[in-house]
Amino acid sequence: MTIGNTINLNDYNLTLDEFLKLQEKKQHIKKEWLSPDEVSKEYGFSKSTLAKNRMANKGIKYSKVGKYIKYKRTDIESFLNCNVIEVEGA
């Protein structure tokens, strides 16, 4: 039975250690699709740069469904990998 934010572990047949391990695994799972705000927080692109790039039809590929804009994590990683600058002596 769940009341507010309280979970009765007996309802799920979990020990506290098992529950904590599941929570830890859940935190390490990365979302596949990110909002501009999430991209900004995770990768350091400013939201305004992302918006300007969308308007100029350049930068990271994105999807738009209705008013929602989403970036696929693999597209972000691909964009970063394609824009590596080689430095002499490195």
N, C-alpha and C. Protein backbone atom coordinates (compact mmCIF):
# COMPACT_ATOMS: atom_id res chain seq x y z
N MET A 1 0.85 -1.18 0.00
CA MET A 1 0.00 0.00 0.00
C MET A 1 0.89 1.24 0.00
N THR A 2 0.58 2.20 -0.84
CA THR A 2 1.35 3.44 -0.93
C THR A 2 0.50 4.60 -0.41
N ILE A 3 1.07 5.37 0.50
CA ILE A 3 0.39 6.54 1.04
C ILE A 3 1.34 7.72 0.85
N GLY A 4 0.96 8.68 0.00
CA GLY A 4 1.86 9.81 -0.26
C GLY A 4 3.14 9.31 -0.89
N ASN A 5 4.27 9.64 -0.26
CA ASN A 5 5.57 9.19 -0.74
C ASN A 5 6.08 7.99 0.03
N THR A 6 5.23 7.40 0.87
CA THR A 6 5.63 6.25 1.68
C THR A 6 5.32 4.97 0.96
N ILE A 7 6.28 4.05 0.92
CA ILE A 7 6.09 2.75 0.26
C ILE A 7 6.26 1.66 1.30
N ASN A 8 5.31 0.76 1.35
CA ASN A 8 5.42 -0.39 2.22
C ASN A 8 6.14 -1.49 1.44
N LEU A 9 7.38 -1.77 1.82
CA LEU A 9 8.20 -2.74 1.08
C LEU A 9 7.62 -4.15 1.15
N ASN A 10 6.84 -4.44 2.20
CA ASN A 10 6.25 -5.77 2.32
C ASN A 10 5.26 -6.05 1.19
N ASP A 11 4.62 -5.00 0.67
CA ASP A 11 3.68 -5.18 -0.44
C ASP A 11 4.40 -5.66 -1.70
N TYR A 12 5.69 -5.39 -1.81
CA TYR A 12 6.47 -5.75 -3.00
C TYR A 12 7.44 -6.89 -2.73
N ASN A 13 7.39 -7.46 -1.56
CA ASN A 13 8.28 -8.53 -1.16
C ASN A 13 9.75 -8.16 -1.36
N LEU A 14 10.12 -6.95 -0.98
CA LEU A 14 11.49 -6.46 -1.10
C LEU A 14 12.05 -6.15 0.28
N THR A 15 13.32 -6.44 0.45
CA THR A 15 14.00 -5.97 1.65
C THR A 15 14.43 -4.53 1.37
N LEU A 16 14.82 -3.83 2.39
CA LEU A 16 15.28 -2.45 2.22
C LEU A 16 16.51 -2.41 1.31
N ASP A 17 17.43 -3.36 1.48
CA ASP A 17 18.62 -3.40 0.63
C ASP A 17 18.26 -3.60 -0.84
N GLU A 18 17.32 -4.49 -1.12
CA GLU A 18 16.89 -4.73 -2.50
C GLU A 18 16.25 -3.47 -3.10
N PHE A 19 15.43 -2.81 -2.30
CA PHE A 19 14.79 -1.58 -2.75
C PHE A 19 15.82 -0.50 -3.06
N LEU A 20 16.80 -0.33 -2.19
CA LEU A 20 17.84 0.69 -2.40
C LEU A 20 18.67 0.38 -3.64
N LYS A 21 18.95 -0.90 -3.89
CA LYS A 21 19.70 -1.29 -5.09
C LYS A 21 18.89 -0.96 -6.35
N LEU A 22 17.58 -1.21 -6.31
CA LEU A 22 16.73 -0.87 -7.46
C LEU A 22 16.72 0.63 -7.70
N GLN A 23 16.64 1.41 -6.64
CA GLN A 23 16.65 2.87 -6.77
C GLN A 23 17.97 3.35 -7.37
N GLU A 24 19.07 2.74 -6.95
CA GLU A 24 20.39 3.12 -7.47
C GLU A 24 20.48 2.80 -8.96
N LYS A 25 20.00 1.63 -9.38
CA LYS A 25 20.00 1.26 -10.79
C LYS A 25 19.14 2.23 -11.59
N LYS A 26 18.00 2.61 -11.04
CA LYS A 26 17.08 3.52 -11.72
C LYS A 26 17.75 4.87 -11.97
N GLN A 27 18.58 5.32 -11.04
CA GLN A 27 19.25 6.61 -11.20
C GLN A 27 20.29 6.57 -12.31
N HIS A 28 20.87 5.39 -12.58
CA HIS A 28 21.90 5.26 -13.60
C HIS A 28 21.33 5.07 -15.00
N ILE A 29 20.05 4.79 -15.11
CA ILE A 29 19.42 4.62 -16.41
C ILE A 29 19.21 6.02 -17.00
N LYS A 30 19.71 6.20 -18.21
CA LYS A 30 19.59 7.51 -18.85
C LYS A 30 18.43 7.51 -19.82
N LYS A 31 17.69 8.61 -19.82
CA LYS A 31 16.56 8.76 -20.73
C LYS A 31 17.08 8.82 -22.17
N GLU A 32 16.32 8.26 -23.10
CA GLU A 32 16.70 8.28 -24.51
C GLU A 32 16.39 9.63 -25.15
N TRP A 33 15.27 10.25 -24.78
CA TRP A 33 14.84 11.52 -25.36
C TRP A 33 14.89 12.60 -24.28
N LEU A 34 15.51 13.74 -24.61
CA LEU A 34 15.69 14.82 -23.65
C LEU A 34 15.05 16.12 -24.14
N SER A 35 14.52 16.89 -23.21
CA SER A 35 14.00 18.22 -23.52
C SER A 35 15.19 19.18 -23.65
N PRO A 36 14.97 20.35 -24.26
CA PRO A 36 16.06 21.34 -24.32
C PRO A 36 16.64 21.67 -22.94
N ASP A 37 15.79 21.74 -21.93
CA ASP A 37 16.25 22.02 -20.57
C ASP A 37 17.17 20.91 -20.07
N GLU A 38 16.80 19.66 -20.34
CA GLU A 38 17.62 18.53 -19.91
C GLU A 38 18.94 18.48 -20.68
N VAL A 39 18.90 18.80 -21.98
CA VAL A 39 20.13 18.86 -22.78
C VAL A 39 21.06 19.92 -22.21
N SER A 40 20.49 21.06 -21.87
CA SER A 40 21.27 22.16 -21.29
C SER A 40 21.94 21.73 -19.99
N LYS A 41 21.20 21.08 -19.12
CA LYS A 41 21.74 20.66 -17.82
C LYS A 41 22.78 19.56 -17.95
N GLU A 42 22.53 18.58 -18.84
CA GLU A 42 23.44 17.44 -18.96
C GLU A 42 24.67 17.71 -19.81
N TYR A 43 24.50 18.49 -20.88
CA TYR A 43 25.60 18.66 -21.83
C TYR A 43 26.17 20.07 -21.87
N GLY A 44 25.54 21.03 -21.23
CA GLY A 44 26.09 22.36 -21.13
C GLY A 44 25.75 23.31 -22.28
N PHE A 45 24.95 22.87 -23.24
CA PHE A 45 24.49 23.79 -24.29
C PHE A 45 23.47 24.73 -23.67
N SER A 46 23.54 26.01 -23.98
CA SER A 46 22.51 26.90 -23.45
C SER A 46 21.21 26.67 -24.21
N LYS A 47 20.10 26.90 -23.54
CA LYS A 47 18.80 26.72 -24.19
C LYS A 47 18.64 27.68 -25.35
N SER A 48 19.22 28.88 -25.23
CA SER A 48 19.10 29.84 -26.33
C SER A 48 19.91 29.40 -27.55
N THR A 49 21.06 28.79 -27.34
CA THR A 49 21.85 28.27 -28.46
C THR A 49 21.09 27.16 -29.16
N LEU A 50 20.48 26.27 -28.38
CA LEU A 50 19.69 25.19 -28.97
C LEU A 50 18.54 25.77 -29.80
N ALA A 51 17.87 26.79 -29.27
CA ALA A 51 16.74 27.42 -29.98
C ALA A 51 17.22 28.12 -31.25
N LYS A 52 18.33 28.84 -31.18
CA LYS A 52 18.87 29.53 -32.36
C LYS A 52 19.26 28.52 -33.43
N ASN A 53 19.89 27.43 -33.02
CA ASN A 53 20.27 26.40 -33.98
C ASN A 53 19.06 25.76 -34.64
N ARG A 54 17.99 25.55 -33.87
CA ARG A 54 16.76 25.00 -34.46
C ARG A 54 16.20 25.96 -35.51
N MET A 55 16.18 27.24 -35.19
CA MET A 55 15.64 28.25 -36.12
C MET A 55 16.50 28.36 -37.39
N ALA A 56 17.81 28.14 -37.24
CA ALA A 56 18.72 28.23 -38.39
C ALA A 56 18.84 26.88 -39.10
N ASN A 57 18.13 25.90 -38.60
CA ASN A 57 18.16 24.54 -39.18
C ASN A 57 19.57 23.97 -39.21
N LYS A 58 20.28 24.10 -38.08
CA LYS A 58 21.61 23.54 -37.95
C LYS A 58 21.77 22.99 -36.54
N GLY A 59 22.90 22.39 -36.28
CA GLY A 59 23.16 21.87 -34.94
C GLY A 59 22.66 20.44 -34.77
N ILE A 60 22.18 20.15 -33.60
CA ILE A 60 21.74 18.80 -33.23
C ILE A 60 20.36 18.51 -33.81
N LYS A 61 20.21 17.32 -34.40
CA LYS A 61 18.88 16.91 -34.89
C LYS A 61 17.92 16.85 -33.71
N TYR A 62 16.65 17.13 -33.99
CA TYR A 62 15.63 17.09 -32.93
C TYR A 62 14.30 16.65 -33.53
N SER A 63 13.39 16.30 -32.65
CA SER A 63 12.02 15.95 -33.05
C SER A 63 11.07 16.91 -32.36
N LYS A 64 9.98 17.20 -33.05
CA LYS A 64 8.97 18.08 -32.47
C LYS A 64 7.62 17.40 -32.61
N VAL A 65 6.96 17.25 -31.49
CA VAL A 65 5.61 16.67 -31.46
C VAL A 65 4.73 17.71 -30.78
N GLY A 66 3.88 18.31 -31.57
CA GLY A 66 3.07 19.41 -31.02
C GLY A 66 3.99 20.55 -30.62
N LYS A 67 3.90 20.98 -29.40
CA LYS A 67 4.77 22.06 -28.92
C LYS A 67 6.03 21.54 -28.23
N TYR A 68 6.17 20.22 -28.14
CA TYR A 68 7.29 19.63 -27.41
C TYR A 68 8.47 19.32 -28.32
N ILE A 69 9.65 19.74 -27.90
CA ILE A 69 10.89 19.50 -28.63
C ILE A 69 11.70 18.49 -27.84
N LYS A 70 12.19 17.48 -28.54
CA LYS A 70 12.99 16.44 -27.89
C LYS A 70 14.24 16.15 -28.71
N TYR A 71 15.33 15.93 -28.01
CA TYR A 71 16.59 15.55 -28.63
C TYR A 71 16.91 14.11 -28.24
N LYS A 72 17.30 13.30 -29.21
CA LYS A 72 17.67 11.92 -28.93
C LYS A 72 19.12 11.90 -28.45
N ARG A 73 19.36 11.20 -27.35
CA ARG A 73 20.69 11.18 -26.74
C ARG A 73 21.77 10.76 -27.75
N THR A 74 21.47 9.77 -28.60
CA THR A 74 22.47 9.31 -29.57
C THR A 74 22.79 10.41 -30.59
N ASP A 75 21.81 11.26 -30.94
CA ASP A 75 22.05 12.36 -31.86
C ASP A 75 22.94 13.43 -31.21
N ILE A 76 22.76 13.66 -29.93
CA ILE A 76 23.60 14.62 -29.21
C ILE A 76 25.04 14.11 -29.19
N GLU A 77 25.21 12.83 -28.84
CA GLU A 77 26.54 12.23 -28.79
C GLU A 77 27.20 12.25 -30.16
N SER A 78 26.42 11.94 -31.21
CA SER A 78 26.93 11.95 -32.58
C SER A 78 27.38 13.35 -32.98
N PHE A 79 26.58 14.35 -32.64
CA PHE A 79 26.92 15.75 -32.94
C PHE A 79 28.25 16.11 -32.28
N LEU A 80 28.41 15.75 -31.03
CA LEU A 80 29.65 16.06 -30.32
C LEU A 80 30.84 15.34 -30.95
N ASN A 81 30.65 14.07 -31.30
CA ASN A 81 31.75 13.30 -31.89
C ASN A 81 32.13 13.81 -33.28
N CYS A 82 31.18 14.33 -34.03
CA CYS A 82 31.46 14.86 -35.37
C CYS A 82 32.10 16.24 -35.33
N ASN A 83 32.08 16.88 -34.19
CA ASN A 83 32.62 18.23 -34.08
C ASN A 83 33.87 18.29 -33.20
N VAL A 84 34.62 17.20 -33.19
CA VAL A 84 35.88 17.16 -32.44
C VAL A 84 36.95 17.92 -33.23
N ILE A 85 37.69 18.75 -32.56
CA ILE A 85 38.79 19.50 -33.18
C ILE A 85 40.09 18.81 -32.78
N GLU A 86 40.84 18.36 -33.76
CA GLU A 86 42.13 17.73 -33.49
C GLU A 86 43.16 18.81 -33.20
N VAL A 87 43.96 18.62 -32.16
CA VAL A 87 44.98 19.57 -31.77
C VAL A 87 46.34 18.91 -31.95
N GLU A 88 47.26 19.64 -32.56
CA GLU A 88 48.61 19.09 -32.77
C GLU A 88 49.28 18.83 -31.44
N GLY A 89 50.03 17.73 -31.39
CA GLY A 89 50.78 17.39 -30.18
C GLY A 89 49.94 16.73 -29.11
N ALA A 90 48.70 16.48 -29.39
CA ALA A 90 47.84 15.86 -28.36
C ALA A 90 47.81 14.37 -28.53
